[in-house]
Amino acid sequence: MIDVLQLCAGDLLKRVRHPFVLQIGANDGSTNDPVRGLIVEHGLPALLIEPHPLAFQKLQQTYQGHSNVKLLNLAIGESDCDDVPFYVPDNELVHSNPRTHRLCSFSREQLLRALTGVGVSHADSRIRAIGIPTKSVNTLLRENNLERVDIIQIDVEGYDWKVLAQFDAKALRTSLINIEFFALPYHEQRQCILRLASNGYKISHFHGDLVAYQTWPGALDSVAPSETISY
């Protein structure tokens, strides 16, 4: 099977020297991560977002020494808030079942379905709520001086369309978008496809994700991360 994401990324790398990557829901930076190879092998400038405290600790270890990558421990929501309820598996479950450490959600019901799906017994009693900071996409872009984002990767356990819908991909000249798609309700899948298609993206499905790609005329080289992001 052709890896559509890597195929599109390969074409983009021929057009843009240092494409900028924004990953929302980066988890530990290694488990089933579709963009880690691109970031590490090509030294791409990147901003990675992960709300789960335990996953974020592993993410820091994964990218230790990579000066081209900035990490933020927060969630992307529809508004800015310092303390939003966020649902995660309890620590004992995370340590005993590695398949659960990447699962978390704004929705308790979504997390319950995900835990049940990986075989957790009595999953309802294995969920706890924590408070995390959230920022909207506009705030995230403004605070990090991001005027162009070449690659957007989103994997946020059923909240994916609500995050993607906040982006103005045309204004950001985003060429490649990869979003976890299979868990979205039908009406959000439809909205997602219609939005991307109406903005000129070619769309494909790959391993439960939706991949959208287009090229922009007069593509510019992305600048180094230290020039792009306020650390």
C-alpha atoms as a PDB file:
ATOM      1  CA  MET A   1       0.000   0.000   0.000  1.00  0.00           C
ATOM      2  CA  ILE A   2       1.303   3.444  -0.926  1.00  0.00           C
ATOM      3  CA  ASP A   3       1.925   5.752   2.029  1.00  0.00           C
ATOM      4  CA  VAL A   4       0.032   8.783   0.736  1.00  0.00           C
ATOM      5  CA  LEU A   5       1.286  11.104   3.477  1.00  0.00           C
ATOM      6  CA  GLN A   6       4.941  10.326   2.770  1.00  0.00           C
ATOM      7  CA  LEU A   7       4.350  10.596  -0.975  1.00  0.00           C
ATOM      8  CA  CYS A   8       2.891  14.092  -0.580  1.00  0.00           C
ATOM      9  CA  ALA A   9       5.593  15.095   1.906  1.00  0.00           C
ATOM     10  CA  GLY A  10       8.271  14.010  -0.554  1.00  0.00           C
ATOM     11  CA  ASP A  11       6.771  16.242  -3.225  1.00  0.00           C
ATOM     12  CA  LEU A  12       6.509  19.153  -0.785  1.00  0.00           C
ATOM     13  CA  LEU A  13      10.178  18.820   0.199  1.00  0.00           C
ATOM     14  CA  LYS A  14      11.102  19.350  -3.455  1.00  0.00           C
ATOM     15  CA  ARG A  15       9.128  22.603  -3.503  1.00  0.00           C
ATOM     16  CA  VAL A  16       9.839  24.071  -0.058  1.00  0.00           C
ATOM     17  CA  ARG A  17      13.300  23.793   1.439  1.00  0.00           C
ATOM     18  CA  HIS A  18      12.357  23.805   5.125  1.00  0.00           C
ATOM     19  CA  PRO A  19       8.589  23.261   5.461  1.00  0.00           C
ATOM     20  CA  PHE A  20       7.243  24.146   8.894  1.00  0.00           C
ATOM     21  CA  VAL A  21       5.355  21.438  10.821  1.00  0.00           C
ATOM     22  CA  LEU A  22       2.598  22.049  13.375  1.00  0.00           C
ATOM     23  CA  GLN A  23       1.552  18.874  15.187  1.00  0.00           C
ATOM     24  CA  ILE A  24      -1.455  18.981  17.503  1.00  0.00           C
ATOM     25  CA  GLY A  25      -1.701  15.851  19.607  1.00  0.00           C
ATOM     26  CA  ALA A  26       1.952  14.802  19.439  1.00  0.00           C
ATOM     27  CA  ASN A  27       1.663  12.132  22.154  1.00  0.00           C
ATOM     28  CA  ASP A  28       5.141  10.759  22.993  1.00  0.00           C
ATOM     29  CA  GLY A  29       6.610  11.709  19.613  1.00  0.00           C
ATOM     30  CA  SER A  30       7.269   8.139  18.538  1.00  0.00           C
ATOM     31  CA  THR A  31       4.270   5.779  18.887  1.00  0.00           C
ATOM     32  CA  ASN A  32       2.497   5.621  15.507  1.00  0.00           C
ATOM     33  CA  ASP A  33       3.721   9.151  14.812  1.00  0.00           C
ATOM     34  CA  PRO A  34       3.257  10.024  11.119  1.00  0.00           C
ATOM     35  CA  VAL A  35       5.511  13.111  11.078  1.00  0.00           C
ATOM     36  CA  ARG A  36       8.411  12.244  13.391  1.00  0.00           C
ATOM     37  CA  GLY A  37      10.443  10.793  10.522  1.00  0.00           C
ATOM     38  CA  LEU A  38      10.027  13.974   8.495  1.00  0.00           C
ATOM     39  CA  ILE A  39      11.001  16.220  11.391  1.00  0.00           C
ATOM     40  CA  VAL A  40      14.054  14.218  12.447  1.00  0.00           C
ATOM     41  CA  GLU A  41      15.403  13.037   9.087  1.00  0.00           C
ATOM     42  CA  HIS A  42      15.109  16.441   7.428  1.00  0.00           C
ATOM     43  CA  GLY A  43      15.655  18.664  10.474  1.00  0.00           C
ATOM     44  CA  LEU A  44      12.356  20.442   9.875  1.00  0.00           C
ATOM     45  CA  PRO A  45      11.308  23.349  12.093  1.00  0.00           C
ATOM     46  CA  ALA A  46       8.308  22.260  14.145  1.00  0.00           C
ATOM     47  CA  LEU A  47       5.926  23.175  16.943  1.00  0.00           C
ATOM     48  CA  LEU A  48       4.457  20.165  18.770  1.00  0.00           C
ATOM     49  CA  ILE A  49       1.452  20.338  21.102  1.00  0.00           C
ATOM     50  CA  GLU A  50       0.580  17.650  23.667  1.00  0.00           C
ATOM     51  CA  PRO A  51      -1.827  18.093  26.616  1.00  0.00           C
ATOM     52  CA  HIS A  52      -1.334  14.814  28.514  1.00  0.00           C
ATOM     53  CA  PRO A  53       1.331  15.404  31.215  1.00  0.00           C
ATOM     54  CA  LEU A  54       2.770  11.862  31.102  1.00  0.00           C
ATOM     55  CA  ALA A  55       2.875  11.767  27.311  1.00  0.00           C
ATOM     56  CA  PHE A  56       4.459  15.219  27.298  1.00  0.00           C
ATOM     57  CA  GLN A  57       7.287  14.013  29.546  1.00  0.00           C
ATOM     58  CA  LYS A  58       8.029  11.254  27.032  1.00  0.00           C
ATOM     59  CA  LEU A  59       7.746  13.762  24.191  1.00  0.00           C
ATOM     60  CA  GLN A  60      10.431  15.890  25.845  1.00  0.00           C
ATOM     61  CA  GLN A  61      12.703  12.859  26.061  1.00  0.00           C
ATOM     62  CA  THR A  62      12.036  11.938  22.432  1.00  0.00           C
ATOM     63  CA  TYR A  63      13.050  15.357  21.118  1.00  0.00           C
ATOM     64  CA  GLN A  64      15.816  16.115  23.587  1.00  0.00           C
ATOM     65  CA  GLY A  65      18.628  17.853  21.732  1.00  0.00           C
ATOM     66  CA  HIS A  66      16.493  18.803  18.713  1.00  0.00           C
ATOM     67  CA  SER A  67      16.829  22.586  18.663  1.00  0.00           C
ATOM     68  CA  ASN A  68      14.570  22.803  15.601  1.00  0.00           C
ATOM     69  CA  VAL A  69      11.563  21.605  17.633  1.00  0.00           C
ATOM     70  CA  LYS A  70       9.511  23.502  20.209  1.00  0.00           C
ATOM     71  CA  LEU A  71       7.159  21.633  22.574  1.00  0.00           C
ATOM     72  CA  LEU A  72       4.115  22.994  24.415  1.00  0.00           C
ATOM     73  CA  ASN A  73       2.148  21.192  27.139  1.00  0.00           C
ATOM     74  CA  LEU A  74      -1.397  22.425  26.488  1.00  0.00           C
ATOM     75  CA  ALA A  75      -4.522  21.620  24.502  1.00  0.00           C
ATOM     76  CA  ILE A  76      -6.074  23.372  21.540  1.00  0.00           C
ATOM     77  CA  GLY A  77      -9.655  24.382  22.240  1.00  0.00           C
ATOM     78  CA  GLU A  78     -12.145  26.840  20.843  1.00  0.00           C
ATOM     79  CA  SER A  79     -11.209  29.485  23.424  1.00  0.00           C
ATOM     80  CA  ASP A  80      -8.390  30.370  25.817  1.00  0.00           C
ATOM     81  CA  CYS A  81      -8.657  29.092  29.377  1.00  0.00           C
ATOM     82  CA  ASP A  82      -6.199  28.313  32.176  1.00  0.00           C
ATOM     83  CA  ASP A  83      -7.977  25.277  33.623  1.00  0.00           C
ATOM     84  CA  VAL A  84     -10.247  23.101  31.467  1.00  0.00           C
ATOM     85  CA  PRO A  85     -11.405  19.583  32.499  1.00  0.00           C
ATOM     86  CA  PHE A  86      -9.537  16.990  30.459  1.00  0.00           C
ATOM     87  CA  TYR A  87      -9.981  13.226  30.754  1.00  0.00           C
ATOM     88  CA  VAL A  88      -7.093  10.758  30.949  1.00  0.00           C
ATOM     89  CA  PRO A  89      -6.620   7.125  32.067  1.00  0.00           C
ATOM     90  CA  ASP A  90      -5.471   6.736  35.661  1.00  0.00           C
ATOM     91  CA  ASN A  91      -1.710   6.461  36.162  1.00  0.00           C
ATOM     92  CA  GLU A  92      -1.808   2.802  37.201  1.00  0.00           C
ATOM     93  CA  LEU A  93      -3.553   1.864  33.954  1.00  0.00           C
ATOM     94  CA  VAL A  94      -1.109   3.897  31.864  1.00  0.00           C
ATOM     95  CA  HIS A  95       1.876   2.131  33.431  1.00  0.00           C
ATOM     96  CA  SER A  96       0.337  -1.353  33.188  1.00  0.00           C
ATOM     97  CA  ASN A  97      -1.104  -1.030  29.673  1.00  0.00           C
ATOM     98  CA  PRO A  98       1.152   0.848  27.208  1.00  0.00           C
ATOM     99  CA  ARG A  99      -1.689   1.040  24.683  1.00  0.00           C
ATOM    100  CA  THR A 100      -3.506   3.552  26.890  1.00  0.00           C
ATOM    101  CA  HIS A 101      -0.809   6.170  27.444  1.00  0.00           C
ATOM    102  CA  ARG A 102      -1.697   8.024  24.243  1.00  0.00           C
ATOM    103  CA  LEU A 103      -5.433   8.176  24.960  1.00  0.00           C
ATOM    104  CA  CYS A 104      -7.011  11.363  26.342  1.00  0.00           C
ATOM    105  CA  SER A 105      -9.905  13.622  25.407  1.00  0.00           C
ATOM    106  CA  PHE A 106     -12.073  16.606  26.288  1.00  0.00           C
ATOM    107  CA  SER A 107     -14.935  14.100  26.137  1.00  0.00           C
ATOM    108  CA  ARG A 108     -15.240  11.463  28.856  1.00  0.00           C
ATOM    109  CA  GLU A 109     -17.464   9.406  26.568  1.00  0.00           C
ATOM    110  CA  GLN A 110     -14.900   9.492  23.764  1.00  0.00           C
ATOM    111  CA  LEU A 111     -12.153   8.319  26.115  1.00  0.00           C
ATOM    112  CA  LEU A 112     -14.401   5.579  27.483  1.00  0.00           C
ATOM    113  CA  ARG A 113     -14.992   4.278  23.950  1.00  0.00           C
ATOM    114  CA  ALA A 114     -11.266   4.409  23.200  1.00  0.00           C
ATOM    115  CA  LEU A 115     -10.302   2.515  26.373  1.00  0.00           C
ATOM    116  CA  THR A 116     -12.967  -0.100  25.758  1.00  0.00           C
ATOM    117  CA  GLY A 117     -11.679  -0.428  22.207  1.00  0.00           C
ATOM    118  CA  VAL A 118      -8.197  -1.402  23.425  1.00  0.00           C
ATOM    119  CA  GLY A 119      -9.610  -4.018  25.792  1.00  0.00           C
ATOM    120  CA  VAL A 120      -9.654  -2.208  29.152  1.00  0.00           C
ATOM    121  CA  SER A 121     -12.048  -3.872  31.612  1.00  0.00           C
ATOM    122  CA  HIS A 122     -14.268  -1.635  33.761  1.00  0.00           C
ATOM    123  CA  ALA A 123     -12.958   1.326  31.777  1.00  0.00           C
ATOM    124  CA  ASP A 124     -15.489   3.680  33.337  1.00  0.00           C
ATOM    125  CA  SER A 125     -13.671   3.457  36.684  1.00  0.00           C
ATOM    126  CA  ARG A 126     -10.222   3.981  35.136  1.00  0.00           C
ATOM    127  CA  ILE A 127     -10.769   7.567  33.984  1.00  0.00           C
ATOM    128  CA  ARG A 128      -9.754  10.691  35.874  1.00  0.00           C
ATOM    129  CA  ALA A 129     -10.158  14.384  35.134  1.00  0.00           C
ATOM    130  CA  ILE A 130      -7.268  16.837  35.222  1.00  0.00           C
ATOM    131  CA  GLY A 131      -7.173  20.570  34.604  1.00  0.00           C
ATOM    132  CA  ILE A 132      -5.125  21.778  31.640  1.00  0.00           C
ATOM    133  CA  PRO A 133      -4.616  25.112  29.860  1.00  0.00           C
ATOM    134  CA  THR A 134      -6.165  25.543  26.424  1.00  0.00           C
ATOM    135  CA  LYS A 135      -5.551  28.005  23.636  1.00  0.00           C
ATOM    136  CA  SER A 136      -7.452  28.647  20.440  1.00  0.00           C
ATOM    137  CA  VAL A 137      -5.673  28.200  17.125  1.00  0.00           C
ATOM    138  CA  ASN A 138      -5.589  31.973  16.584  1.00  0.00           C
ATOM    139  CA  THR A 139      -3.912  32.521  19.952  1.00  0.00           C
ATOM    140  CA  LEU A 140      -1.413  29.742  19.306  1.00  0.00           C
ATOM    141  CA  LEU A 141      -0.444  31.184  15.935  1.00  0.00           C
ATOM    142  CA  ARG A 142      -0.196  34.738  17.251  1.00  0.00           C
ATOM    143  CA  GLU A 143       1.845  33.898  20.351  1.00  0.00           C
ATOM    144  CA  ASN A 144       4.303  31.862  18.294  1.00  0.00           C
ATOM    145  CA  ASN A 145       4.563  34.313  15.378  1.00  0.00           C
ATOM    146  CA  LEU A 146       3.364  31.740  12.869  1.00  0.00           C
ATOM    147  CA  GLU A 147       2.281  33.296   9.594  1.00  0.00           C
ATOM    148  CA  ARG A 148       2.960  30.208   7.507  1.00  0.00           C
ATOM    149  CA  VAL A 149       2.470  26.531   8.369  1.00  0.00           C
ATOM    150  CA  ASP A 150       3.336  24.079   5.603  1.00  0.00           C
ATOM    151  CA  ILE A 151       2.276  20.839   7.312  1.00  0.00           C
ATOM    152  CA  ILE A 152      -0.549  20.406   9.840  1.00  0.00           C
ATOM    153  CA  GLN A 153      -0.877  17.095  11.695  1.00  0.00           C
ATOM    154  CA  ILE A 154      -3.900  16.621  14.005  1.00  0.00           C
ATOM    155  CA  ASP A 155      -4.718  13.632  16.231  1.00  0.00           C
ATOM    156  CA  VAL A 156      -6.889  14.658  19.171  1.00  0.00           C
ATOM    157  CA  GLU A 157      -9.293  11.781  19.873  1.00  0.00           C
ATOM    158  CA  GLY A 158     -12.490  12.906  18.188  1.00  0.00           C
ATOM    159  CA  TYR A 159     -11.916  16.666  18.519  1.00  0.00           C
ATOM    160  CA  ASP A 160     -10.009  16.789  15.236  1.00  0.00           C
ATOM    161  CA  TRP A 161     -12.529  18.644  13.081  1.00  0.00           C
ATOM    162  CA  LYS A 162     -13.147  21.276  15.764  1.00  0.00           C
ATOM    163  CA  VAL A 163      -9.413  22.009  15.704  1.00  0.00           C
ATOM    164  CA  LEU A 164      -9.001  21.929  11.929  1.00  0.00           C
ATOM    165  CA  ALA A 165     -12.046  24.169  11.430  1.00  0.00           C
ATOM    166  CA  GLN A 166     -10.217  26.990  13.240  1.00  0.00           C
ATOM    167  CA  PHE A 167      -7.416  27.123  10.663  1.00  0.00           C
ATOM    168  CA  ASP A 168      -7.381  29.387   7.632  1.00  0.00           C
ATOM    169  CA  ALA A 169      -5.224  27.033   5.584  1.00  0.00           C
ATOM    170  CA  LYS A 170      -5.231  29.366   2.592  1.00  0.00           C
ATOM    171  CA  ALA A 171      -3.887  32.296   4.621  1.00  0.00           C
ATOM    172  CA  LEU A 172      -1.238  30.028   6.157  1.00  0.00           C
ATOM    173  CA  ARG A 173      -0.402  28.563   2.710  1.00  0.00           C
ATOM    174  CA  THR A 174      -0.657  25.083   4.192  1.00  0.00           C
ATOM    175  CA  SER A 175       0.200  22.404   1.645  1.00  0.00           C
ATOM    176  CA  LEU A 176      -0.200  19.158   3.588  1.00  0.00           C
ATOM    177  CA  ILE A 177      -2.839  18.285   6.192  1.00  0.00           C
ATOM    178  CA  ASN A 178      -3.145  14.927   7.949  1.00  0.00           C
ATOM    179  CA  ILE A 179      -6.034  14.445  10.370  1.00  0.00           C
ATOM    180  CA  GLU A 180      -7.331  11.431  12.286  1.00  0.00           C
ATOM    181  CA  PHE A 181     -10.615  10.831  10.505  1.00  0.00           C
ATOM    182  CA  PHE A 182     -12.171   7.477  11.368  1.00  0.00           C
ATOM    183  CA  ALA A 183     -13.405   8.501  14.846  1.00  0.00           C
ATOM    184  CA  LEU A 184     -15.284  11.592  13.640  1.00  0.00           C
ATOM    185  CA  PRO A 185     -19.086  11.493  13.357  1.00  0.00           C
ATOM    186  CA  TYR A 186     -20.396  11.457   9.803  1.00  0.00           C
ATOM    187  CA  HIS A 187     -21.517  15.099   9.752  1.00  0.00           C
ATOM    188  CA  GLU A 188     -18.040  16.257  10.804  1.00  0.00           C
ATOM    189  CA  GLN A 189     -16.367  14.006   8.242  1.00  0.00           C
ATOM    190  CA  ARG A 190     -18.586  15.576   5.604  1.00  0.00           C
ATOM    191  CA  GLN A 191     -17.816  19.129   6.773  1.00  0.00           C
ATOM    192  CA  CYS A 192     -14.115  18.344   6.755  1.00  0.00           C
ATOM    193  CA  ILE A 193     -14.131  16.992   3.202  1.00  0.00           C
ATOM    194  CA  LEU A 194     -16.263  19.844   1.876  1.00  0.00           C
ATOM    195  CA  ARG A 195     -14.041  22.499   3.489  1.00  0.00           C
ATOM    196  CA  LEU A 196     -10.826  21.000   2.149  1.00  0.00           C
ATOM    197  CA  ALA A 197     -12.184  20.278  -1.327  1.00  0.00           C
ATOM    198  CA  SER A 198     -13.603  23.797  -1.646  1.00  0.00           C
ATOM    199  CA  ASN A 199     -10.125  25.156  -0.877  1.00  0.00           C
ATOM    200  CA  GLY A 200      -8.527  23.159  -3.667  1.00  0.00           C
ATOM    201  CA  TYR A 201      -7.073  20.219  -1.737  1.00  0.00           C
ATOM    202  CA  LYS A 202      -6.770  16.749  -3.220  1.00  0.00           C
ATOM    203  CA  ILE A 203      -7.979  14.267  -0.623  1.00  0.00           C
ATOM    204  CA  SER A 204      -7.119  10.657   0.162  1.00  0.00           C
ATOM    205  CA  HIS A 205      -7.638   8.214   3.033  1.00  0.00           C
ATOM    206  CA  PHE A 206      -4.794   6.273   4.621  1.00  0.00           C
ATOM    207  CA  HIS A 207      -4.956   4.033   7.731  1.00  0.00           C
ATOM    208  CA  GLY A 208      -7.956   5.854   9.208  1.00  0.00           C
ATOM    209  CA  ASP A 209      -6.546   9.308   8.495  1.00  0.00           C
ATOM    210  CA  LEU A 210      -7.544  11.867   5.901  1.00  0.00           C
ATOM    211  CA  VAL A 211      -4.652  13.306   3.895  1.00  0.00           C
ATOM    212  CA  ALA A 212      -5.151  16.580   2.018  1.00  0.00           C
ATOM    213  CA  TYR A 213      -2.551  18.113  -0.285  1.00  0.00           C
ATOM    214  CA  GLN A 214      -2.110  21.044  -2.608  1.00  0.00           C
ATOM    215  CA  THR A 215       0.744  23.206  -3.833  1.00  0.00           C
ATOM    216  CA  TRP A 216       0.913  26.977  -3.731  1.00  0.00           C
ATOM    217  CA  PRO A 217       2.403  29.092  -6.527  1.00  0.00           C
ATOM    218  CA  GLY A 218       5.611  30.911  -5.718  1.00  0.00           C
ATOM    219  CA  ALA A 219       6.420  28.730  -2.701  1.00  0.00           C
ATOM    220  CA  LEU A 220       8.906  30.365  -0.348  1.00  0.00           C
ATOM    221  CA  ASP A 221      11.576  28.719   1.757  1.00  0.00           C
ATOM    222  CA  SER A 222      10.483  28.448   5.372  1.00  0.00           C
ATOM    223  CA  VAL A 223      12.793  30.155   7.836  1.00  0.00           C
ATOM    224  CA  ALA A 224      14.691  28.536  10.680  1.00  0.00           C
ATOM    225  CA  PRO A 225      12.616  27.788  13.801  1.00  0.00           C
ATOM    226  CA  SER A 226      14.495  30.328  15.901  1.00  0.00           C
ATOM    227  CA  GLU A 227      13.340  33.004  13.456  1.00  0.00           C
ATOM    228  CA  THR A 228       9.780  31.731  13.365  1.00  0.00           C
ATOM    229  CA  ILE A 229       8.859  30.848  16.933  1.00  0.00           C
ATOM    230  CA  SER A 230       9.161  32.943  20.056  1.00  0.00           C
ATOM    231  CA  TYR A 231      10.889  30.691  22.598  1.00  0.00           C
END
